[in-house]
Amino acid sequence: MSYMLTTLSKKIEVDSIIKDTIDKVLVLRFGRASDPVCLQLDQILSKAAREVSKFATVALVDVDSQDIQVYVKYFDITLIPSTVFFFNAHHMKMDSGTADHTKWIGAFHKKQDFIDVVEAIFRGAMKGKLIVNCPLPPERSVCCEHADQPTPTTSFLGAPPTPVSSFGTLNFARLLHL
């Protein structure tokens, strides 16, 4: 199902889609086409893409691409799949009951869960918020569970995951211009 969604493998493609997606939520799934949990999420994303198309754009980002590593490091993508949300080039965050509000880690349990999250982000963004509360109940908002355990990305980084704080004063606006 991932063949139905745009796949980005170059930094310039990611930069462009972030800058050019206006008045819609941009959903970027960081992962691999060969990973079973990514494939599960891709199926949910592709099924929901049409339903959310009036207020969201969905794209896949290939974490194995060398050109994408600046984003992998910036967003601290240490587990895949990881889904990052934007609205008008602003990184949208979501409080889902985990310590990391910057991204959704793992697959959504069902298509409606993904639609509910994107709608909540869209509504919050339209009100000027940069962080929203997760609309899912706690048992479905904790995304890393036994069988659906996301895959560590250390295999393509070649080293233990690097925390974002080690990148000093690199900010998101500057990242788009690197």
N, C-alpha and C. Protein backbone atom coordinates (compact mmCIF):
# COMPACT_ATOMS: atom_id res chain seq x y z
N MET A 1 0.81 -1.20 0.00
CA MET A 1 0.00 0.00 0.00
C MET A 1 0.85 1.26 0.00
N SER A 2 2.12 1.16 0.42
CA SER A 2 2.95 2.36 0.48
C SER A 2 3.21 2.94 -0.91
N TYR A 3 3.02 2.13 -1.97
CA TYR A 3 3.22 2.64 -3.32
C TYR A 3 2.18 3.70 -3.68
N MET A 4 1.10 3.78 -2.94
CA MET A 4 0.05 4.77 -3.22
C MET A 4 0.39 6.14 -2.62
N LEU A 5 1.36 6.20 -1.76
CA LEU A 5 1.73 7.44 -1.10
C LEU A 5 3.07 7.94 -1.64
N THR A 6 3.25 9.25 -1.63
CA THR A 6 4.51 9.84 -2.08
C THR A 6 5.62 9.43 -1.14
N THR A 7 6.75 8.97 -1.71
CA THR A 7 7.91 8.61 -0.91
C THR A 7 9.02 9.60 -1.18
N LEU A 8 9.57 10.17 -0.11
CA LEU A 8 10.61 11.18 -0.21
C LEU A 8 11.94 10.57 0.22
N SER A 9 12.97 10.78 -0.58
CA SER A 9 14.27 10.22 -0.24
C SER A 9 15.39 11.26 -0.32
N LYS A 10 15.03 12.50 -0.62
CA LYS A 10 16.02 13.57 -0.69
C LYS A 10 15.62 14.71 0.23
N LYS A 11 16.60 15.36 0.83
CA LYS A 11 16.35 16.47 1.74
C LYS A 11 15.56 17.58 1.05
N ILE A 12 15.91 17.87 -0.19
CA ILE A 12 15.23 18.95 -0.91
C ILE A 12 13.74 18.64 -1.10
N GLU A 13 13.40 17.35 -1.26
CA GLU A 13 12.00 16.97 -1.39
C GLU A 13 11.25 17.20 -0.08
N VAL A 14 11.89 16.85 1.05
CA VAL A 14 11.27 17.07 2.35
C VAL A 14 11.14 18.57 2.61
N ASP A 15 12.21 19.33 2.34
CA ASP A 15 12.16 20.79 2.50
C ASP A 15 10.99 21.37 1.72
N SER A 16 10.88 20.96 0.48
CA SER A 16 9.87 21.50 -0.42
C SER A 16 8.45 21.18 0.05
N ILE A 17 8.20 19.94 0.44
CA ILE A 17 6.84 19.59 0.87
C ILE A 17 6.48 20.29 2.18
N ILE A 18 7.45 20.49 3.06
CA ILE A 18 7.17 21.21 4.31
C ILE A 18 6.81 22.66 4.00
N LYS A 19 7.59 23.31 3.14
CA LYS A 19 7.34 24.72 2.80
C LYS A 19 6.07 24.91 1.98
N ASP A 20 5.77 23.95 1.09
CA ASP A 20 4.68 24.13 0.13
C ASP A 20 3.32 23.64 0.60
N THR A 21 3.25 22.93 1.72
CA THR A 21 1.95 22.46 2.22
C THR A 21 1.35 23.56 3.08
N ILE A 22 0.35 24.24 2.51
CA ILE A 22 -0.26 25.41 3.16
C ILE A 22 -1.70 25.06 3.57
N ASP A 23 -2.06 25.47 4.79
CA ASP A 23 -3.40 25.28 5.35
C ASP A 23 -3.86 23.82 5.38
N LYS A 24 -2.89 22.92 5.46
CA LYS A 24 -3.15 21.50 5.64
C LYS A 24 -2.12 20.96 6.62
N VAL A 25 -2.49 19.88 7.29
CA VAL A 25 -1.54 19.16 8.12
C VAL A 25 -0.67 18.32 7.19
N LEU A 26 0.62 18.37 7.38
CA LEU A 26 1.54 17.51 6.65
C LEU A 26 1.94 16.37 7.57
N VAL A 27 1.71 15.16 7.13
CA VAL A 27 2.04 13.96 7.91
C VAL A 27 3.24 13.30 7.23
N LEU A 28 4.37 13.25 7.92
CA LEU A 28 5.56 12.59 7.39
C LEU A 28 5.84 11.34 8.21
N ARG A 29 5.75 10.17 7.55
CA ARG A 29 6.07 8.90 8.21
C ARG A 29 7.52 8.56 7.90
N PHE A 30 8.37 8.57 8.92
CA PHE A 30 9.77 8.17 8.78
C PHE A 30 9.85 6.67 9.02
N GLY A 31 10.41 5.94 8.05
CA GLY A 31 10.53 4.50 8.21
C GLY A 31 11.13 3.84 6.99
N ARG A 32 10.93 2.52 6.91
CA ARG A 32 11.43 1.70 5.80
C ARG A 32 10.28 0.94 5.17
N ALA A 33 10.33 0.78 3.86
CA ALA A 33 9.30 0.03 3.15
C ALA A 33 9.37 -1.46 3.48
N SER A 34 10.51 -1.93 4.01
CA SER A 34 10.67 -3.36 4.30
C SER A 34 10.31 -3.73 5.75
N ASP A 35 10.06 -2.75 6.60
CA ASP A 35 9.77 -3.02 8.00
C ASP A 35 8.30 -3.39 8.18
N PRO A 36 7.98 -4.49 8.89
CA PRO A 36 6.58 -4.92 9.03
C PRO A 36 5.70 -3.91 9.75
N VAL A 37 6.20 -3.21 10.77
CA VAL A 37 5.38 -2.23 11.47
C VAL A 37 5.16 -1.01 10.57
N CYS A 38 6.17 -0.63 9.79
CA CYS A 38 6.01 0.47 8.82
C CYS A 38 4.96 0.09 7.78
N LEU A 39 4.98 -1.15 7.32
CA LEU A 39 4.00 -1.60 6.34
C LEU A 39 2.59 -1.56 6.91
N GLN A 40 2.46 -1.93 8.18
CA GLN A 40 1.15 -1.87 8.85
C GLN A 40 0.67 -0.42 8.90
N LEU A 41 1.56 0.49 9.29
CA LEU A 41 1.20 1.91 9.35
C LEU A 41 0.91 2.45 7.95
N ASP A 42 1.71 2.07 6.96
CA ASP A 42 1.50 2.53 5.59
C ASP A 42 0.13 2.13 5.08
N GLN A 43 -0.32 0.94 5.44
CA GLN A 43 -1.64 0.49 5.02
C GLN A 43 -2.72 1.40 5.63
N ILE A 44 -2.58 1.73 6.90
CA ILE A 44 -3.54 2.62 7.56
C ILE A 44 -3.49 4.01 6.92
N LEU A 45 -2.27 4.52 6.68
CA LEU A 45 -2.12 5.85 6.09
C LEU A 45 -2.72 5.91 4.69
N SER A 46 -2.47 4.89 3.88
CA SER A 46 -2.98 4.92 2.51
C SER A 46 -4.50 4.78 2.48
N LYS A 47 -5.07 4.02 3.39
CA LYS A 47 -6.53 3.90 3.46
C LYS A 47 -7.17 5.21 3.91
N ALA A 48 -6.49 5.94 4.78
CA ALA A 48 -7.05 7.17 5.34
C ALA A 48 -6.71 8.41 4.50
N ALA A 49 -5.72 8.31 3.62
CA ALA A 49 -5.24 9.49 2.88
C ALA A 49 -6.35 10.21 2.14
N ARG A 50 -7.22 9.47 1.50
CA ARG A 50 -8.31 10.11 0.75
C ARG A 50 -9.29 10.83 1.69
N GLU A 51 -9.59 10.19 2.82
CA GLU A 51 -10.55 10.78 3.76
C GLU A 51 -10.03 12.07 4.40
N VAL A 52 -8.72 12.18 4.56
CA VAL A 52 -8.15 13.38 5.20
C VAL A 52 -7.60 14.37 4.16
N SER A 53 -7.78 14.08 2.88
CA SER A 53 -7.14 14.88 1.83
C SER A 53 -7.55 16.35 1.81
N LYS A 54 -8.71 16.70 2.36
CA LYS A 54 -9.13 18.11 2.38
C LYS A 54 -8.37 18.92 3.42
N PHE A 55 -7.82 18.24 4.44
CA PHE A 55 -7.11 18.97 5.49
C PHE A 55 -5.75 18.38 5.83
N ALA A 56 -5.28 17.38 5.06
CA ALA A 56 -3.97 16.79 5.34
C ALA A 56 -3.34 16.20 4.08
N THR A 57 -2.02 16.19 4.08
CA THR A 57 -1.21 15.55 3.04
C THR A 57 -0.32 14.53 3.74
N VAL A 58 -0.24 13.33 3.18
CA VAL A 58 0.54 12.26 3.79
C VAL A 58 1.69 11.89 2.86
N ALA A 59 2.89 11.79 3.41
CA ALA A 59 4.06 11.36 2.63
C ALA A 59 4.93 10.46 3.50
N LEU A 60 5.69 9.61 2.83
CA LEU A 60 6.60 8.69 3.50
C LEU A 60 8.03 9.18 3.31
N VAL A 61 8.85 9.06 4.33
CA VAL A 61 10.26 9.47 4.25
C VAL A 61 11.12 8.23 4.49
N ASP A 62 12.01 7.97 3.54
CA ASP A 62 12.89 6.81 3.59
C ASP A 62 14.09 7.09 4.50
N VAL A 63 14.11 6.48 5.68
CA VAL A 63 15.17 6.74 6.65
C VAL A 63 16.52 6.18 6.23
N ASP A 64 16.54 5.30 5.26
CA ASP A 64 17.80 4.72 4.80
C ASP A 64 18.54 5.64 3.83
N SER A 65 17.89 6.68 3.35
CA SER A 65 18.53 7.61 2.43
C SER A 65 19.55 8.48 3.17
N GLN A 66 20.76 8.55 2.66
CA GLN A 66 21.81 9.36 3.29
C GLN A 66 21.42 10.83 3.33
N ASP A 67 20.72 11.29 2.31
CA ASP A 67 20.34 12.70 2.20
C ASP A 67 19.33 13.11 3.29
N ILE A 68 18.62 12.17 3.84
CA ILE A 68 17.57 12.43 4.84
C ILE A 68 18.13 12.45 6.26
N GLN A 69 19.36 12.04 6.46
CA GLN A 69 19.91 11.86 7.81
C GLN A 69 19.87 13.13 8.65
N VAL A 70 19.92 14.31 8.03
CA VAL A 70 19.84 15.55 8.80
C VAL A 70 18.48 15.64 9.51
N TYR A 71 17.40 15.19 8.86
CA TYR A 71 16.08 15.17 9.49
C TYR A 71 15.98 14.05 10.53
N VAL A 72 16.56 12.91 10.22
CA VAL A 72 16.55 11.79 11.17
C VAL A 72 17.21 12.22 12.48
N LYS A 73 18.32 12.91 12.37
CA LYS A 73 19.02 13.38 13.56
C LYS A 73 18.26 14.51 14.25
N TYR A 74 17.76 15.46 13.47
CA TYR A 74 17.07 16.61 14.05
C TYR A 74 15.84 16.18 14.85
N PHE A 75 15.05 15.26 14.30
CA PHE A 75 13.83 14.81 14.98
C PHE A 75 14.09 13.61 15.89
N ASP A 76 15.35 13.23 16.06
CA ASP A 76 15.74 12.13 16.94
C ASP A 76 14.94 10.87 16.62
N ILE A 77 14.95 10.50 15.34
CA ILE A 77 14.24 9.30 14.91
C ILE A 77 15.10 8.10 15.27
N THR A 78 14.83 7.52 16.44
CA THR A 78 15.59 6.37 16.90
C THR A 78 14.76 5.10 16.82
N LEU A 79 13.46 5.22 16.66
CA LEU A 79 12.56 4.09 16.48
C LEU A 79 11.71 4.34 15.24
N ILE A 80 11.48 3.28 14.47
CA ILE A 80 10.61 3.43 13.32
C ILE A 80 9.44 2.46 13.44
N PRO A 81 8.29 2.83 12.89
CA PRO A 81 8.01 4.08 12.24
C PRO A 81 7.82 5.22 13.25
N SER A 82 8.19 6.41 12.82
CA SER A 82 7.94 7.63 13.58
C SER A 82 7.21 8.59 12.66
N THR A 83 6.14 9.18 13.15
CA THR A 83 5.33 10.08 12.34
C THR A 83 5.42 11.48 12.91
N VAL A 84 5.79 12.44 12.05
CA VAL A 84 5.96 13.84 12.45
C VAL A 84 4.90 14.67 11.73
N PHE A 85 4.34 15.65 12.42
CA PHE A 85 3.26 16.46 11.87
C PHE A 85 3.69 17.92 11.73
N PHE A 86 3.22 18.57 10.66
CA PHE A 86 3.50 19.99 10.41
C PHE A 86 2.21 20.68 10.00
N PHE A 87 2.17 21.99 10.20
CA PHE A 87 1.09 22.82 9.68
C PHE A 87 1.70 24.16 9.30
N ASN A 88 1.58 24.53 8.04
CA ASN A 88 2.16 25.77 7.51
C ASN A 88 3.63 25.91 7.91
N ALA A 89 4.38 24.85 7.71
CA ALA A 89 5.83 24.77 7.96
C ALA A 89 6.19 24.85 9.45
N HIS A 90 5.21 24.73 10.34
CA HIS A 90 5.46 24.69 11.78
C HIS A 90 5.34 23.25 12.25
N HIS A 91 6.32 22.82 13.04
CA HIS A 91 6.29 21.48 13.60
C HIS A 91 5.20 21.42 14.65
N MET A 92 4.22 20.56 14.45
CA MET A 92 3.12 20.40 15.40
C MET A 92 3.47 19.27 16.37
N LYS A 93 3.18 19.50 17.63
CA LYS A 93 3.46 18.50 18.67
C LYS A 93 2.15 18.03 19.27
N MET A 94 2.20 16.82 19.87
CA MET A 94 1.00 16.25 20.44
C MET A 94 1.33 15.56 21.76
N ASP A 95 0.58 15.89 22.78
CA ASP A 95 0.73 15.25 24.09
C ASP A 95 -0.09 13.97 24.08
N SER A 96 0.61 12.85 23.95
CA SER A 96 -0.09 11.55 23.90
C SER A 96 0.20 10.72 25.15
N GLY A 97 0.66 11.37 26.20
CA GLY A 97 0.92 10.66 27.44
C GLY A 97 2.32 10.07 27.51
N THR A 98 3.16 10.35 26.52
CA THR A 98 4.54 9.88 26.55
C THR A 98 5.46 11.08 26.77
N ALA A 99 6.72 10.83 27.02
CA ALA A 99 7.67 11.91 27.26
C ALA A 99 7.98 12.69 25.98
N ASP A 100 7.82 12.06 24.83
CA ASP A 100 8.16 12.68 23.56
C ASP A 100 6.91 13.21 22.87
N HIS A 101 6.76 14.53 22.83
CA HIS A 101 5.60 15.16 22.19
C HIS A 101 5.88 15.51 20.74
N THR A 102 7.10 15.25 20.25
CA THR A 102 7.49 15.72 18.93
C THR A 102 7.07 14.81 17.80
N LYS A 103 6.71 13.57 18.11
CA LYS A 103 6.36 12.62 17.06
C LYS A 103 5.52 11.49 17.63
N TRP A 104 4.85 10.77 16.74
CA TRP A 104 4.11 9.56 17.10
C TRP A 104 5.02 8.40 16.75
N ILE A 105 5.27 7.52 17.70
CA ILE A 105 6.16 6.38 17.47
C ILE A 105 5.32 5.12 17.39
N GLY A 106 5.53 4.35 16.31
CA GLY A 106 4.79 3.11 16.10
C GLY A 106 3.63 3.30 15.15
N ALA A 107 2.83 2.26 15.00
CA ALA A 107 1.67 2.32 14.11
C ALA A 107 0.43 2.70 14.90
N PHE A 108 -0.54 3.29 14.21
CA PHE A 108 -1.84 3.54 14.82
C PHE A 108 -2.59 2.21 14.85
N HIS A 109 -3.47 2.03 15.82
CA HIS A 109 -4.18 0.77 15.96
C HIS A 109 -5.19 0.56 14.83
N LYS A 110 -5.84 1.64 14.41
CA LYS A 110 -6.80 1.54 13.32
C LYS A 110 -6.86 2.86 12.56
N LYS A 111 -7.48 2.82 11.40
CA LYS A 111 -7.57 3.98 10.52
C LYS A 111 -8.22 5.16 11.23
N GLN A 112 -9.29 4.92 11.97
CA GLN A 112 -10.01 6.02 12.63
C GLN A 112 -9.14 6.70 13.68
N ASP A 113 -8.24 5.98 14.32
CA ASP A 113 -7.32 6.60 15.28
C ASP A 113 -6.45 7.64 14.57
N PHE A 114 -5.92 7.27 13.41
CA PHE A 114 -5.10 8.20 12.64
C PHE A 114 -5.92 9.42 12.22
N ILE A 115 -7.12 9.21 11.72
CA ILE A 115 -7.98 10.33 11.29
C ILE A 115 -8.27 11.24 12.47
N ASP A 116 -8.57 10.68 13.64
CA ASP A 116 -8.86 11.49 14.83
C ASP A 116 -7.66 12.34 15.23
N VAL A 117 -6.46 11.77 15.17
CA VAL A 117 -5.25 12.51 15.52
C VAL A 117 -5.01 13.66 14.54
N VAL A 118 -5.14 13.39 13.25
CA VAL A 118 -4.91 14.43 12.25
C VAL A 118 -5.95 15.54 12.37
N GLU A 119 -7.21 15.17 12.63
CA GLU A 119 -8.25 16.18 12.83
C GLU A 119 -7.95 17.05 14.04
N ALA A 120 -7.50 16.44 15.13
CA ALA A 120 -7.16 17.20 16.35
C ALA A 120 -6.01 18.16 16.08
N ILE A 121 -5.02 17.70 15.34
CA ILE A 121 -3.89 18.57 15.01
C ILE A 121 -4.35 19.72 14.11
N PHE A 122 -5.19 19.42 13.14
CA PHE A 122 -5.70 20.46 12.23
C PHE A 122 -6.51 21.50 13.01
N ARG A 123 -7.41 21.05 13.85
CA ARG A 123 -8.24 22.00 14.63
C ARG A 123 -7.37 22.85 15.55
N GLY A 124 -6.41 22.23 16.21
CA GLY A 124 -5.51 22.99 17.09
C GLY A 124 -4.68 24.00 16.30
N ALA A 125 -4.17 23.58 15.16
CA ALA A 125 -3.36 24.47 14.32
C ALA A 125 -4.18 25.65 13.83
N MET A 126 -5.44 25.42 13.48
CA MET A 126 -6.30 26.51 13.01
C MET A 126 -6.56 27.52 14.12
N LYS A 127 -6.40 27.10 15.37
CA LYS A 127 -6.56 28.00 16.52
C LYS A 127 -5.23 28.60 16.95
N GLY A 128 -4.16 28.30 16.20
CA GLY A 128 -2.85 28.87 16.50
C GLY A 128 -2.02 28.07 17.50
N LYS A 129 -2.47 26.88 17.87
CA LYS A 129 -1.72 26.06 18.82
C LYS A 129 -0.61 25.31 18.11
N LEU A 130 0.50 25.10 18.80
CA LEU A 130 1.60 24.31 18.28
C LEU A 130 1.70 22.95 18.96
N ILE A 131 0.93 22.75 20.03
CA ILE A 131 0.85 21.45 20.71
C ILE A 131 -0.61 21.19 21.03
N VAL A 132 -1.05 19.96 20.77
CA VAL A 132 -2.44 19.58 21.03
C VAL A 132 -2.45 18.33 21.89
N ASN A 133 -3.58 18.08 22.54
CA ASN A 133 -3.75 16.86 23.31
C ASN A 133 -4.20 15.74 22.38
N CYS A 134 -3.71 14.56 22.63
CA CYS A 134 -4.08 13.40 21.84
C CYS A 134 -5.56 13.08 22.08
N PRO A 135 -6.34 12.94 21.02
CA PRO A 135 -7.77 12.66 21.19
C PRO A 135 -8.08 11.19 21.51
N LEU A 136 -7.06 10.35 21.47
CA LEU A 136 -7.29 8.92 21.69
C LEU A 136 -7.28 8.58 23.17
N PRO A 137 -8.04 7.56 23.57
CA PRO A 137 -7.97 7.14 24.97
C PRO A 137 -6.59 6.59 25.27
N PRO A 138 -6.17 6.63 26.54
CA PRO A 138 -4.82 6.23 26.91
C PRO A 138 -4.40 4.84 26.41
N GLU A 139 -5.31 3.89 26.38
CA GLU A 139 -4.92 2.55 25.94
C GLU A 139 -4.57 2.50 24.45
N ARG A 140 -5.02 3.49 23.66
CA ARG A 140 -4.68 3.52 22.24
C ARG A 140 -3.70 4.64 21.90
N SER A 141 -3.40 5.50 22.86
CA SER A 141 -2.46 6.58 22.56
C SER A 141 -1.02 6.22 22.92
N VAL A 142 -0.85 5.15 23.69
CA VAL A 142 0.50 4.65 23.93
C VAL A 142 0.80 3.71 22.78
N CYS A 143 1.69 4.15 21.90
CA CYS A 143 1.83 3.47 20.62
C CYS A 143 2.82 2.33 20.61
N CYS A 144 3.64 2.17 21.61
CA CYS A 144 4.65 1.11 21.59
C CYS A 144 4.21 -0.03 22.48
N GLU A 145 3.63 -1.09 21.90
CA GLU A 145 3.19 -2.23 22.67
C GLU A 145 3.87 -3.49 22.19
N HIS A 146 3.69 -4.56 22.89
CA HIS A 146 4.40 -5.84 22.69
C HIS A 146 4.65 -6.21 21.24
N ALA A 147 3.66 -6.67 20.52
CA ALA A 147 3.87 -7.17 19.16
C ALA A 147 4.15 -6.05 18.17
N ASP A 148 3.66 -4.85 18.46
CA ASP A 148 3.84 -3.72 17.54
C ASP A 148 5.06 -2.90 17.90
N GLN A 149 6.03 -3.50 18.55
CA GLN A 149 7.23 -2.79 18.97
C GLN A 149 7.94 -2.20 17.75
N PRO A 150 8.16 -0.89 17.72
CA PRO A 150 8.87 -0.29 16.59
C PRO A 150 10.31 -0.80 16.52
N THR A 151 10.88 -0.71 15.36
CA THR A 151 12.22 -1.19 15.11
C THR A 151 13.24 -0.11 15.44
N PRO A 152 14.29 -0.42 16.21
CA PRO A 152 15.33 0.58 16.44
C PRO A 152 16.02 0.93 15.13
N THR A 153 16.44 2.17 14.99
CA THR A 153 17.08 2.61 13.76
C THR A 153 18.59 2.57 13.84
N THR A 154 19.15 1.98 14.90
CA THR A 154 20.60 1.97 15.04
C THR A 154 21.28 1.26 13.89
N SER A 155 20.59 0.36 13.21
CA SER A 155 21.22 -0.37 12.11
C SER A 155 21.60 0.55 10.96
N PHE A 156 20.84 1.62 10.72
CA PHE A 156 21.22 2.50 9.63
C PHE A 156 22.00 3.72 10.12
N LEU A 157 21.97 4.00 11.39
CA LEU A 157 22.77 5.11 11.90
C LEU A 157 24.19 4.64 12.20
N GLY A 158 24.36 3.35 12.42
CA GLY A 158 25.68 2.79 12.67
C GLY A 158 26.21 3.05 14.06
N ALA A 159 25.46 3.72 14.90
CA ALA A 159 25.89 4.03 16.26
C ALA A 159 24.64 4.15 17.12
N PRO A 160 24.81 4.19 18.43
CA PRO A 160 23.63 4.39 19.27
C PRO A 160 22.93 5.70 18.91
N PRO A 161 21.61 5.78 19.11
CA PRO A 161 20.87 6.99 18.77
C PRO A 161 21.47 8.23 19.42
N THR A 162 21.48 9.32 18.68
CA THR A 162 22.04 10.58 19.16
C THR A 162 20.91 11.48 19.64
N PRO A 163 21.00 12.01 20.86
CA PRO A 163 19.95 12.92 21.32
C PRO A 163 19.99 14.24 20.55
N VAL A 164 18.83 14.84 20.37
CA VAL A 164 18.72 16.09 19.63
C VAL A 164 19.58 17.18 20.26
N SER A 165 19.69 17.19 21.57
CA SER A 165 20.42 18.26 22.25
C SER A 165 21.87 18.37 21.82
N SER A 166 22.44 17.31 21.26
CA SER A 166 23.84 17.37 20.85
C SER A 166 24.04 18.18 19.57
N PHE A 167 22.95 18.63 18.96
CA PHE A 167 23.05 19.41 17.73
C PHE A 167 23.09 20.90 18.00
N GLY A 168 23.30 21.28 19.24
CA GLY A 168 23.51 22.68 19.59
C GLY A 168 22.32 23.55 19.25
N THR A 169 22.59 24.65 18.55
CA THR A 169 21.55 25.65 18.29
C THR A 169 20.87 25.46 16.94
N LEU A 170 21.03 24.31 16.31
CA LEU A 170 20.35 24.04 15.06
C LEU A 170 18.85 24.14 15.28
N ASN A 171 18.20 25.06 14.60
CA ASN A 171 16.76 25.16 14.75
C ASN A 171 16.08 24.73 13.46
N PHE A 172 14.78 24.51 13.54
CA PHE A 172 14.06 23.96 12.41
C PHE A 172 14.09 24.88 11.20
N ALA A 173 13.94 26.17 11.37
CA ALA A 173 13.97 27.11 10.24
C ALA A 173 15.32 27.03 9.53
N ARG A 174 16.39 26.91 10.29
CA ARG A 174 17.71 26.81 9.70
C ARG A 174 17.90 25.48 8.98
N LEU A 175 17.29 24.43 9.50
CA LEU A 175 17.37 23.11 8.91
C LEU A 175 16.85 23.12 7.47
N LEU A 176 15.80 23.88 7.22
CA LEU A 176 15.23 23.97 5.88
C LEU A 176 16.19 24.62 4.89
N HIS A 177 17.15 25.37 5.39
CA HIS A 177 18.08 26.09 4.51
C HIS A 177 19.45 25.45 4.41
N LEU A 178 19.66 24.30 5.08
CA LEU A 178 20.96 23.63 5.02
C LEU A 178 21.21 23.04 3.64
